[in-house]
Amino acid sequence: MASSRLNKRPRLTDRNSNIQSQGPPPSQRNGDTRYYDPDQDADERRRVRRELRDLNRELNDSRGEFMQSGNDGLYKTVEKANEIFVQVKQTSDATIDSRLLVNAADLSHKKTAQLALGDSSAGIDVDEFVSKCISFMHRGPTNATGTPRGTQGRRGRTRQSQRDPYASDEDEGDAMNWDHLGRAACFPHNARPVVPGWLLGPLSVQKRARQMTQRTAREAIDPENAVKPIELQQGDLGQQDSVNLTQTCSEINKLLGNTQKERERKAERKLQNIENPTEDQLRGVFDECGIADDGGIPLFAFCIDPHSFGQSVENLFYVSFLVRDGTVGISTDSRQLPTLHPSNPYAPSEAQRQGIQKHQAVFSLDYETWEQLIKVFNIKKPIIPHREEIEGETGMSWV
């Protein structure tokens, strides 16, 4: 029995422990609480955290002012942060101070770059805009209707009472009121154009009733009355349009020549009754007879149809073909207004020998200009006869 007792292992409680006892740090054992004090007064901690938050909020709200060259607000902010940091004795409180220091360093870097390179930025500062939006949403009401009522309000107060007063702001989650920002910023500055009510359509959609057709027996086709379809070749597809275009251009060319001759004879008869006419008298006779002082017909008076804007454009289109073929020439009178003259086209060899070149010009005519030309030239009746409007075939309506 004595030998068994000697060979028995000693108990754990009897062994010498080689684990160091966990006691307070040396600074706390020595009474040094300059940098860390777990027993710091709660009221003092609240005051320090509030001052750091206010200083950080002031820095974010005054970024534009601090960015100016002669402003020393950034320097004063750092000095104020150093004074408050002396009273920081907890790690969670030090994170708020470090966040403030990071924001101040970032703003200092931007200000240095602006002073060195100049203010060449366009638009707004994104960081400043986001920080001000966050501050605005934090200061907004809890919700749209104010304080919650009933069970939700009691639960909210319970959660707020159980919340750690020393917890960091990052543990709060997204506590920003987005509805408050939307009502204050989006609706007053809505850039949506005003839409008339008649563009929105009816509020109720009426479903059309499908018409039921009664089926009838198919009629028998008599083979003796069948008509063979006309066979069209590739060249017949545009033949009708080309024939109409050529015929219309020829009629307009003849009309221009007859109009010029008739108005020249009319002007000569009136000038025979005037002895030694002056330039003003000559111009008055030419205007009365509807002819230019260079002997041509004014382009606008000849092509403009006061009854149809579309046919006025078509008349200019037809005249352009006559000018291209050389049967009609364009000149300008003493007022620098375009006039039309009948002419004979040159043969290709003759035009090449004389060095005659063709020049292309684009003339645009809108509805307002068409109305002004009618008033300026006092056009009552078109020289080119008004053509009958051809109504296009319309398809069947949807059912």
Protein backbone atom coordinates (compact mmCIF):
# COMPACT_ATOMS: atom_id res chain seq x y z
CA MET A 1 0.00 0.00 0.00
CA ALA A 2 2.87 2.31 0.79
CA SER A 3 4.50 1.65 -2.59
CA SER A 4 1.20 2.30 -4.45
CA ARG A 5 0.84 5.63 -2.74
CA LEU A 6 4.36 6.59 -3.74
CA ASN A 7 3.75 5.65 -7.41
CA LYS A 8 0.42 7.55 -7.64
CA ARG A 9 0.53 10.68 -9.86
CA PRO A 10 0.06 13.98 -8.09
CA ARG A 11 -3.19 15.84 -8.60
CA LEU A 12 -3.50 18.87 -10.85
CA THR A 13 -4.18 21.08 -7.89
CA ASP A 14 -0.94 19.96 -6.30
CA ARG A 15 1.19 20.86 -9.35
CA ASN A 16 3.02 24.17 -9.66
CA SER A 17 1.16 26.22 -12.29
CA ASN A 18 3.37 27.61 -15.09
CA ILE A 19 0.56 29.87 -16.42
CA GLN A 20 0.93 33.52 -15.59
CA SER A 21 -1.98 34.99 -13.72
CA GLN A 22 -4.07 37.41 -15.78
CA GLY A 23 -4.01 40.65 -13.93
CA PRO A 24 -4.34 44.29 -14.88
CA PRO A 25 -1.76 45.71 -17.31
CA PRO A 26 1.36 47.33 -15.92
CA SER A 27 0.03 50.78 -16.69
CA GLN A 28 -3.11 50.08 -14.67
CA ARG A 29 -1.12 48.45 -11.83
CA ASN A 30 1.03 51.56 -11.72
CA GLY A 31 -2.05 53.82 -11.89
CA ASP A 32 -1.21 55.25 -15.39
CA THR A 33 -4.51 56.06 -17.18
CA ARG A 34 -3.24 58.64 -19.64
CA TYR A 35 -3.95 56.51 -22.74
CA TYR A 36 -6.36 53.80 -21.61
CA ASP A 37 -8.90 53.87 -18.82
CA PRO A 38 -11.58 51.13 -18.79
CA ASP A 39 -13.30 52.86 -15.88
CA GLN A 40 -13.61 56.25 -17.56
CA ASP A 41 -16.60 58.31 -16.49
CA ALA A 42 -19.65 57.66 -18.69
CA ASP A 43 -20.66 61.33 -18.90
CA GLU A 44 -17.17 62.27 -19.98
CA ARG A 45 -17.23 59.61 -22.71
CA ARG A 46 -20.57 60.86 -24.02
CA ARG A 47 -19.26 64.42 -24.15
CA VAL A 48 -16.08 63.38 -25.98
CA ARG A 49 -17.98 61.30 -28.54
CA ARG A 50 -20.48 64.12 -29.10
CA GLU A 51 -17.70 66.66 -29.67
CA LEU A 52 -15.93 64.35 -32.13
CA ARG A 53 -19.15 63.74 -34.07
CA ASP A 54 -19.95 67.46 -34.19
CA LEU A 55 -16.44 68.23 -35.40
CA ASN A 56 -16.66 65.56 -38.10
CA ARG A 57 -20.06 66.84 -39.21
CA GLU A 58 -18.74 70.41 -39.36
CA LEU A 59 -15.82 69.21 -41.50
CA ASN A 60 -18.14 67.47 -43.97
CA ASP A 61 -20.54 70.41 -44.17
CA SER A 62 -17.77 72.98 -44.70
CA ARG A 63 -15.69 71.15 -47.30
CA GLY A 64 -16.33 73.83 -49.92
CA GLU A 65 -15.23 76.63 -47.59
CA PHE A 66 -12.16 74.75 -46.37
CA MET A 67 -11.06 74.14 -49.98
CA GLN A 68 -10.56 77.87 -50.57
CA SER A 69 -6.99 79.10 -50.67
CA GLY A 70 -7.20 81.65 -47.84
CA ASN A 71 -9.27 79.55 -45.43
CA ASP A 72 -7.60 78.01 -42.34
CA GLY A 73 -10.62 76.04 -41.14
CA LEU A 74 -8.89 72.71 -41.84
CA TYR A 75 -5.96 73.67 -39.60
CA LYS A 76 -8.30 74.71 -36.80
CA THR A 77 -10.24 71.47 -37.14
CA VAL A 78 -7.11 69.37 -36.67
CA GLU A 79 -6.08 71.45 -33.64
CA LYS A 80 -9.53 71.01 -32.10
CA ALA A 81 -9.34 67.25 -32.74
CA ASN A 82 -5.97 67.10 -30.96
CA GLU A 83 -7.44 68.84 -27.93
CA ILE A 84 -10.35 66.40 -27.76
CA PHE A 85 -8.10 63.37 -28.33
CA VAL A 86 -6.34 63.99 -25.02
CA GLN A 87 -9.56 62.91 -23.28
CA VAL A 88 -10.05 59.75 -25.39
CA LYS A 89 -9.38 56.65 -23.23
CA GLN A 90 -11.32 53.93 -25.08
CA THR A 91 -10.66 52.16 -28.41
CA SER A 92 -14.22 52.67 -29.70
CA ASP A 93 -13.87 56.40 -29.09
CA ALA A 94 -10.51 56.41 -30.86
CA THR A 95 -12.13 55.03 -34.04
CA ILE A 96 -14.27 58.17 -34.30
CA ASP A 97 -11.15 60.31 -33.97
CA SER A 98 -9.34 58.24 -36.61
CA ARG A 99 -12.26 58.65 -38.99
CA LEU A 100 -12.09 62.41 -38.51
CA LEU A 101 -8.34 62.36 -39.14
CA VAL A 102 -8.78 60.37 -42.37
CA ASN A 103 -11.39 62.83 -43.67
CA ALA A 104 -9.15 65.77 -42.80
CA ALA A 105 -6.17 64.17 -44.56
CA ASP A 106 -8.24 63.45 -47.66
CA LEU A 107 -9.51 67.03 -47.78
CA SER A 108 -5.98 68.34 -47.26
CA HIS A 109 -4.73 66.27 -50.20
CA LYS A 110 -7.46 67.65 -52.47
CA LYS A 111 -6.75 71.21 -51.36
CA THR A 112 -3.04 70.76 -52.06
CA ALA A 113 -3.75 69.40 -55.54
CA GLN A 114 -6.13 72.28 -56.22
CA LEU A 115 -3.53 74.86 -55.19
CA ALA A 116 -0.85 73.19 -57.34
CA LEU A 117 -2.87 72.41 -60.48
CA GLY A 118 -5.67 74.94 -60.24
CA ASP A 119 -9.39 74.37 -59.95
CA SER A 120 -10.03 72.53 -63.22
CA SER A 121 -12.72 70.24 -61.89
CA ALA A 122 -16.16 70.29 -63.46
CA GLY A 123 -19.43 69.51 -61.73
CA ILE A 124 -19.71 68.74 -58.01
CA ASP A 125 -17.54 66.96 -55.49
CA VAL A 126 -19.00 63.49 -55.11
CA ASP A 127 -17.58 62.95 -51.62
CA GLU A 128 -18.95 66.25 -50.38
CA PHE A 129 -22.34 65.57 -51.93
CA VAL A 130 -22.60 62.09 -50.39
CA SER A 131 -21.48 63.28 -46.96
CA LYS A 132 -24.02 66.10 -46.94
CA CYS A 133 -26.77 63.72 -48.04
CA ILE A 134 -25.90 61.36 -45.19
CA SER A 135 -25.96 64.21 -42.67
CA PHE A 136 -29.29 65.42 -44.05
CA MET A 137 -30.86 61.96 -43.78
CA HIS A 138 -29.54 61.47 -40.25
CA ARG A 139 -31.10 64.76 -39.13
CA GLY A 140 -34.43 63.94 -40.78
CA PRO A 141 -37.47 62.54 -38.96
CA THR A 142 -37.65 58.87 -38.08
CA ASN A 143 -40.39 58.22 -40.62
CA ALA A 144 -42.96 60.05 -42.69
CA THR A 145 -45.62 60.10 -39.97
CA GLY A 146 -43.43 61.05 -37.02
CA THR A 147 -43.06 58.92 -33.91
CA PRO A 148 -44.36 55.34 -34.33
CA ARG A 149 -47.38 54.35 -32.36
CA GLY A 150 -48.58 51.21 -30.61
CA THR A 151 -46.51 48.07 -30.43
CA GLN A 152 -43.92 49.35 -32.90
CA GLY A 153 -43.26 52.41 -30.78
CA ARG A 154 -42.86 50.35 -27.60
CA ARG A 155 -40.55 47.92 -29.38
CA GLY A 156 -38.50 50.81 -30.74
CA ARG A 157 -38.18 52.38 -27.30
CA THR A 158 -37.17 48.99 -25.86
CA ARG A 159 -34.45 48.58 -28.48
CA GLN A 160 -33.20 52.11 -27.89
CA SER A 161 -33.07 51.57 -24.14
CA GLN A 162 -31.16 48.31 -24.54
CA ARG A 163 -28.67 49.85 -26.97
CA ASP A 164 -25.11 50.25 -25.74
CA PRO A 165 -24.47 53.99 -25.30
CA TYR A 166 -20.78 53.45 -26.07
CA ALA A 167 -21.30 51.46 -29.28
CA SER A 168 -19.71 52.75 -32.47
CA ASP A 169 -21.73 54.48 -35.18
CA GLU A 170 -20.83 51.75 -37.67
CA ASP A 171 -22.80 49.19 -35.62
CA GLU A 172 -26.05 51.12 -36.12
CA GLY A 173 -26.51 49.92 -39.70
CA ASP A 174 -28.30 52.00 -42.35
CA ALA A 175 -30.18 54.46 -40.12
CA MET A 176 -30.63 57.03 -42.91
CA ASN A 177 -34.09 58.29 -43.81
CA TRP A 178 -34.23 57.92 -47.60
CA ASP A 179 -37.89 58.96 -47.77
CA HIS A 180 -37.03 62.31 -46.22
CA LEU A 181 -34.31 62.87 -48.85
CA GLY A 182 -36.62 61.90 -51.68
CA ARG A 183 -39.41 64.25 -50.64
CA ALA A 184 -37.03 67.16 -50.09
CA ALA A 185 -34.80 66.76 -53.16
CA CYS A 186 -36.50 64.75 -55.90
CA PHE A 187 -39.98 66.24 -56.14
CA PRO A 188 -39.08 69.99 -55.96
CA HIS A 189 -36.39 69.56 -58.62
CA ASN A 190 -38.20 67.13 -60.90
CA ALA A 191 -37.06 67.82 -64.48
CA ARG A 192 -39.81 65.75 -66.12
CA PRO A 193 -41.54 67.78 -68.84
CA VAL A 194 -45.18 68.60 -68.41
CA VAL A 195 -47.25 66.18 -70.48
CA PRO A 196 -50.72 67.20 -71.66
CA GLY A 197 -53.54 65.06 -70.41
CA TRP A 198 -54.66 64.00 -73.86
CA LEU A 199 -51.33 62.25 -74.46
CA LEU A 200 -51.88 59.86 -71.59
CA GLY A 201 -54.71 58.02 -73.31
CA PRO A 202 -58.01 56.80 -71.88
CA LEU A 203 -58.19 55.42 -68.37
CA SER A 204 -60.30 52.47 -69.45
CA VAL A 205 -59.59 50.33 -72.48
CA GLN A 206 -62.65 49.34 -74.44
CA LYS A 207 -62.34 45.93 -75.99
CA ARG A 208 -63.73 45.82 -79.48
CA ALA A 209 -66.26 43.16 -80.18
CA ARG A 210 -65.23 40.97 -83.06
CA GLN A 211 -67.74 40.93 -85.86
CA MET A 212 -68.74 37.40 -86.71
CA THR A 213 -69.11 36.90 -90.45
CA GLN A 214 -71.50 34.38 -91.78
CA ARG A 215 -69.88 31.83 -94.00
CA THR A 216 -71.29 31.37 -97.47
CA ALA A 217 -70.68 28.81 -100.13
CA ARG A 218 -67.84 29.54 -102.52
CA GLU A 219 -69.03 30.82 -105.86
CA ALA A 220 -68.06 28.81 -108.85
CA ILE A 221 -65.86 30.63 -111.39
CA ASP A 222 -66.78 30.31 -115.03
CA PRO A 223 -63.63 29.49 -117.03
CA GLU A 224 -65.00 31.37 -120.04
CA ASN A 225 -65.01 34.68 -118.09
CA ALA A 226 -61.46 34.29 -116.80
CA VAL A 227 -59.06 37.09 -117.83
CA LYS A 228 -55.40 36.45 -118.39
CA PRO A 229 -53.24 38.68 -116.11
CA ILE A 230 -50.93 41.23 -117.71
CA GLU A 231 -47.32 40.17 -117.77
CA LEU A 232 -45.01 42.97 -116.61
CA GLN A 233 -41.35 43.13 -117.49
CA GLN A 234 -38.58 44.71 -115.44
CA GLY A 235 -38.55 47.82 -117.62
CA ASP A 236 -42.29 48.40 -117.24
CA LEU A 237 -42.13 48.96 -113.48
CA GLY A 238 -40.94 52.60 -113.62
CA GLN A 239 -42.21 53.42 -117.10
CA GLN A 240 -45.41 55.10 -115.96
CA ASP A 241 -43.63 57.39 -113.48
CA SER A 242 -40.94 58.38 -115.97
CA VAL A 243 -43.55 59.20 -118.63
CA ASN A 244 -45.50 61.41 -116.22
CA LEU A 245 -42.31 63.18 -115.06
CA THR A 246 -41.13 63.88 -118.60
CA GLN A 247 -44.55 65.14 -119.66
CA THR A 248 -44.89 67.43 -116.64
CA CYS A 249 -41.40 68.90 -117.14
CA SER A 250 -42.12 69.56 -120.84
CA GLU A 251 -45.37 71.36 -120.01
CA ILE A 252 -43.63 73.53 -117.39
CA ASN A 253 -40.86 74.39 -119.88
CA LYS A 254 -43.42 75.51 -122.49
CA LEU A 255 -45.34 77.46 -119.84
CA LEU A 256 -42.16 79.33 -118.84
CA GLY A 257 -41.43 80.37 -122.43
CA ASN A 258 -44.99 81.51 -123.13
CA THR A 259 -45.19 83.42 -119.84
CA GLN A 260 -41.94 85.27 -120.53
CA LYS A 261 -42.98 86.28 -124.06
CA GLU A 262 -46.43 87.42 -122.94
CA ARG A 263 -45.11 89.55 -120.09
CA GLU A 264 -42.35 91.08 -122.23
CA ARG A 265 -44.92 92.23 -124.80
CA LYS A 266 -47.09 93.64 -122.02
CA ALA A 267 -44.17 95.58 -120.55
CA GLU A 268 -43.14 96.94 -123.99
CA ARG A 269 -46.64 98.27 -124.64
CA LYS A 270 -46.65 100.14 -121.32
CA LEU A 271 -43.17 101.56 -121.85
CA GLN A 272 -44.18 102.99 -125.24
CA ASN A 273 -46.46 105.43 -123.44
CA ILE A 274 -43.63 106.70 -121.19
CA GLU A 275 -40.99 109.03 -122.62
CA ASN A 276 -37.47 108.69 -121.20
CA PRO A 277 -38.48 106.43 -118.28
CA THR A 278 -36.31 106.50 -115.18
CA GLU A 279 -35.01 103.43 -113.39
CA ASP A 280 -37.76 103.65 -110.81
CA GLN A 281 -40.39 103.83 -113.56
CA LEU A 282 -38.82 100.86 -115.37
CA ARG A 283 -38.76 98.85 -112.18
CA GLY A 284 -42.38 99.74 -111.43
CA VAL A 285 -43.49 98.61 -114.91
CA PHE A 286 -41.54 95.36 -114.59
CA ASP A 287 -43.04 94.65 -111.18
CA GLU A 288 -46.53 95.39 -112.47
CA CYS A 289 -46.06 93.03 -115.41
CA GLY A 290 -44.48 90.31 -113.24
CA ILE A 291 -41.10 90.25 -114.98
CA ALA A 292 -37.58 90.92 -113.66
CA ASP A 293 -35.33 93.72 -114.93
CA ASP A 294 -33.05 91.12 -116.56
CA GLY A 295 -35.93 89.81 -118.68
CA GLY A 296 -36.53 86.62 -116.69
CA ILE A 297 -39.43 85.33 -114.62
CA PRO A 298 -38.90 85.44 -110.83
CA LEU A 299 -38.27 81.93 -109.53
CA PHE A 300 -40.56 82.19 -106.52
CA ALA A 301 -43.41 83.82 -108.42
CA PHE A 302 -43.20 81.03 -111.00
CA CYS A 303 -42.90 78.00 -108.68
CA ILE A 304 -44.84 78.96 -105.55
CA ASP A 305 -48.41 77.67 -105.39
CA PRO A 306 -50.32 79.75 -102.80
CA HIS A 307 -52.90 76.99 -102.39
CA SER A 308 -50.57 74.05 -101.71
CA PHE A 309 -47.21 73.83 -99.96
CA GLY A 310 -46.61 70.32 -101.30
CA GLN A 311 -47.13 71.33 -104.93
CA SER A 312 -44.77 74.29 -104.44
CA VAL A 313 -42.05 71.83 -103.47
CA GLU A 314 -42.95 69.65 -106.47
CA ASN A 315 -42.69 72.65 -108.83
CA LEU A 316 -39.18 73.38 -107.57
CA PHE A 317 -38.40 69.71 -108.09
CA TYR A 318 -39.58 69.81 -111.72
CA VAL A 319 -37.68 73.03 -112.45
CA SER A 320 -34.50 71.45 -111.11
CA PHE A 321 -34.73 68.77 -113.82
CA LEU A 322 -35.12 71.44 -116.50
CA VAL A 323 -32.06 73.28 -115.17
CA ARG A 324 -30.09 70.04 -115.15
CA ASP A 325 -31.00 69.31 -118.78
CA GLY A 326 -30.07 72.87 -119.80
CA THR A 327 -33.51 73.87 -121.11
CA VAL A 328 -33.92 76.45 -118.32
CA GLY A 329 -31.25 78.81 -116.99
CA ILE A 330 -31.03 80.57 -113.63
CA SER A 331 -29.81 84.15 -113.19
CA THR A 332 -30.18 87.01 -110.72
CA ASP A 333 -31.68 90.46 -111.23
CA SER A 334 -30.51 93.79 -109.77
CA ARG A 335 -32.07 92.82 -106.41
CA GLN A 336 -30.06 89.57 -106.32
CA LEU A 337 -33.26 87.53 -106.62
CA PRO A 338 -33.21 84.32 -108.70
CA THR A 339 -34.90 84.43 -112.11
CA LEU A 340 -35.68 81.79 -114.76
CA HIS A 341 -34.85 82.07 -118.49
CA PRO A 342 -35.67 79.65 -121.30
CA SER A 343 -32.44 78.42 -122.91
CA ASN A 344 -31.17 75.92 -125.44
CA PRO A 345 -28.95 73.16 -124.08
CA TYR A 346 -25.42 72.81 -125.44
CA ALA A 347 -24.28 69.64 -127.08
CA PRO A 348 -21.80 67.67 -124.95
CA SER A 349 -18.92 68.40 -127.35
CA GLU A 350 -19.78 72.13 -127.51
CA ALA A 351 -20.06 72.37 -123.72
CA GLN A 352 -16.69 70.67 -123.32
CA ARG A 353 -15.08 72.98 -125.89
CA GLN A 354 -16.39 76.14 -124.19
CA GLY A 355 -15.54 74.85 -120.72
CA ILE A 356 -19.12 74.96 -119.45
CA GLN A 357 -19.49 73.22 -116.10
CA LYS A 358 -22.56 72.25 -114.14
CA HIS A 359 -23.00 73.48 -110.59
CA GLN A 360 -25.37 71.91 -108.09
CA ALA A 361 -27.21 73.89 -105.40
CA VAL A 362 -29.56 72.67 -102.69
CA PHE A 363 -32.61 74.81 -101.96
CA SER A 364 -34.67 74.17 -98.83
CA LEU A 365 -38.24 75.36 -98.34
CA ASP A 366 -40.17 75.03 -95.10
CA TYR A 367 -43.76 75.93 -94.34
CA GLU A 368 -42.97 79.28 -92.65
CA THR A 369 -40.78 80.41 -95.56
CA TRP A 370 -43.50 79.38 -98.00
CA GLU A 371 -46.03 81.60 -96.21
CA GLN A 372 -43.60 84.54 -96.15
CA LEU A 373 -42.88 84.22 -99.88
CA ILE A 374 -46.60 84.39 -100.65
CA LYS A 375 -46.92 87.64 -98.69
CA VAL A 376 -43.73 89.27 -100.01
CA PHE A 377 -44.37 88.55 -103.71
CA ASN A 378 -48.16 89.00 -103.32
CA ILE A 379 -48.91 85.71 -105.07
CA LYS A 380 -52.65 85.34 -105.56
CA LYS A 381 -52.76 82.82 -108.40
CA PRO A 382 -50.15 80.21 -109.31
CA ILE A 383 -48.45 80.43 -112.71
CA ILE A 384 -48.13 76.65 -112.86
CA PRO A 385 -51.72 75.37 -112.74
CA HIS A 386 -52.78 73.68 -109.54
CA ARG A 387 -52.92 69.92 -109.97
CA GLU A 388 -55.63 67.75 -108.48
CA GLU A 389 -54.64 66.03 -105.28
CA ILE A 390 -54.49 62.25 -105.63
CA GLU A 391 -55.68 60.48 -102.52
CA GLY A 392 -53.76 57.35 -101.69
CA GLU A 393 -55.53 54.11 -100.97
CA THR A 394 -55.84 53.37 -97.29
CA GLY A 395 -55.92 49.88 -95.85
CA MET A 396 -58.74 48.41 -93.83
CA SER A 397 -58.92 49.40 -90.20
CA TRP A 398 -57.97 46.98 -87.45
CA VAL A 399 -60.75 45.01 -85.87
